[in-house]
Amino acid sequence: MGREQLGKYLWQNGLLERGQRNDAIPRVEHHLWFGDREGDSAAIRIANDQELEALIFEWLQKKHNGVCRHTSKANCQERATVHQEIGQVL
């Protein structure tokens, strides 16, 4: 599965395995900003970095599928990690 397809798949289905969160965030972020080559975007209008951060954090909370112990705890440090990882990509 290519980078674009993986971002789309993760957005729709969530994390697949332990240790995937750090790699998944930039892939999902790319999907949300740019869509994919087939022209199939996430169909979400994102106004700014803060909105993107909130959307990805919400996605992690809903779709961590029990494979991310940090997200399972839903602690404040997780939000800081998401903020840091998004900042590295943008």
Protein backbone atom coordinates (compact mmCIF):
# COMPACT_ATOMS: atom_id res chain seq x y z
CA MET A 1 0.00 0.00 0.00
CA GLY A 2 1.45 3.36 -1.06
CA ARG A 3 1.78 6.42 1.13
CA GLU A 4 -1.36 8.10 -0.18
CA GLN A 5 -3.46 4.96 0.02
CA LEU A 6 -2.22 4.24 3.54
CA GLY A 7 -3.19 7.74 4.71
CA LYS A 8 -6.68 7.29 3.30
CA TYR A 9 -6.99 3.79 4.75
CA LEU A 10 -5.83 4.90 8.20
CA TRP A 11 -8.24 7.87 8.15
CA GLN A 12 -11.14 5.56 7.37
CA ASN A 13 -10.18 2.57 9.51
CA GLY A 14 -7.80 3.74 12.22
CA LEU A 15 -4.54 2.35 13.53
CA LEU A 16 -3.70 -1.22 12.56
CA GLU A 17 -0.94 -2.19 14.98
CA ARG A 18 1.07 -1.07 17.98
CA GLY A 19 3.78 1.50 17.30
CA GLN A 20 2.05 2.88 14.21
CA ARG A 21 0.83 6.21 15.60
CA ASN A 22 3.97 8.24 14.86
CA ASP A 23 4.01 7.12 11.24
CA ALA A 24 0.22 7.36 10.85
CA ILE A 25 -0.13 11.01 11.88
CA PRO A 26 1.79 12.52 8.93
CA ARG A 27 0.10 10.13 6.49
CA VAL A 28 -3.37 11.03 7.73
CA GLU A 29 -2.39 14.69 7.78
CA HIS A 30 -1.28 14.49 4.14
CA HIS A 31 -4.57 12.83 3.21
CA LEU A 32 -6.59 15.51 4.96
CA TRP A 33 -4.70 18.38 3.31
CA PHE A 34 -4.21 17.01 -0.20
CA GLY A 35 -6.45 13.98 -0.79
CA ASP A 36 -5.07 11.39 -3.20
CA ARG A 37 -4.16 11.12 -6.87
CA GLU A 38 -7.56 9.74 -7.80
CA GLY A 39 -9.03 13.05 -6.70
CA ASP A 40 -10.70 11.43 -3.73
CA SER A 41 -10.04 13.79 -0.84
CA ALA A 42 -11.17 13.48 2.72
CA ALA A 43 -13.82 16.08 1.78
CA ILE A 44 -12.97 18.16 4.83
CA ARG A 45 -12.14 21.85 4.71
CA ILE A 46 -9.37 22.62 7.18
CA ALA A 47 -8.88 26.29 7.97
CA ASN A 48 -5.59 26.19 9.92
CA ASP A 49 -3.05 24.13 11.83
CA GLN A 50 -5.08 24.22 15.06
CA GLU A 51 -8.14 22.81 13.31
CA LEU A 52 -6.00 20.07 11.73
CA GLU A 53 -4.48 19.24 15.12
CA ALA A 54 -7.91 18.97 16.75
CA LEU A 55 -9.21 16.80 13.91
CA ILE A 56 -6.27 14.39 14.09
CA PHE A 57 -6.48 14.22 17.88
CA GLU A 58 -10.19 13.40 17.62
CA TRP A 59 -9.39 10.76 14.98
CA LEU A 60 -6.84 9.16 17.32
CA GLN A 61 -9.33 9.11 20.17
CA LYS A 62 -11.97 7.41 18.03
CA LYS A 63 -9.85 5.13 15.88
CA HIS A 64 -6.84 4.02 17.88
CA ASN A 65 -8.52 0.57 17.90
CA GLY A 66 -6.96 -0.29 21.24
CA VAL A 67 -3.45 -0.53 19.78
CA CYS A 68 -2.12 2.77 21.14
CA ARG A 69 -1.61 2.68 24.89
CA HIS A 70 -1.04 6.45 25.05
CA THR A 71 -4.29 7.25 23.31
CA SER A 72 -6.11 4.63 25.34
CA LYS A 73 -5.20 6.63 28.44
CA ALA A 74 -6.41 9.83 26.72
CA ASN A 75 -3.87 11.92 28.61
CA CYS A 76 -2.74 15.48 27.99
CA GLN A 77 0.71 14.35 26.93
CA GLU A 78 -0.86 12.69 23.88
CA ARG A 79 -2.28 16.03 22.73
CA ALA A 80 1.18 17.57 23.07
CA THR A 81 2.65 14.72 21.00
CA VAL A 82 0.11 15.27 18.23
CA HIS A 83 0.89 19.00 18.29
CA GLN A 84 4.62 18.31 18.01
CA GLU A 85 4.25 15.76 15.20
CA ILE A 86 2.00 18.03 13.15
CA GLY A 87 4.45 20.89 13.64
CA GLN A 88 7.23 18.77 12.18
CA VAL A 89 5.27 18.04 9.02
CA LEU A 90 3.92 21.53 8.29
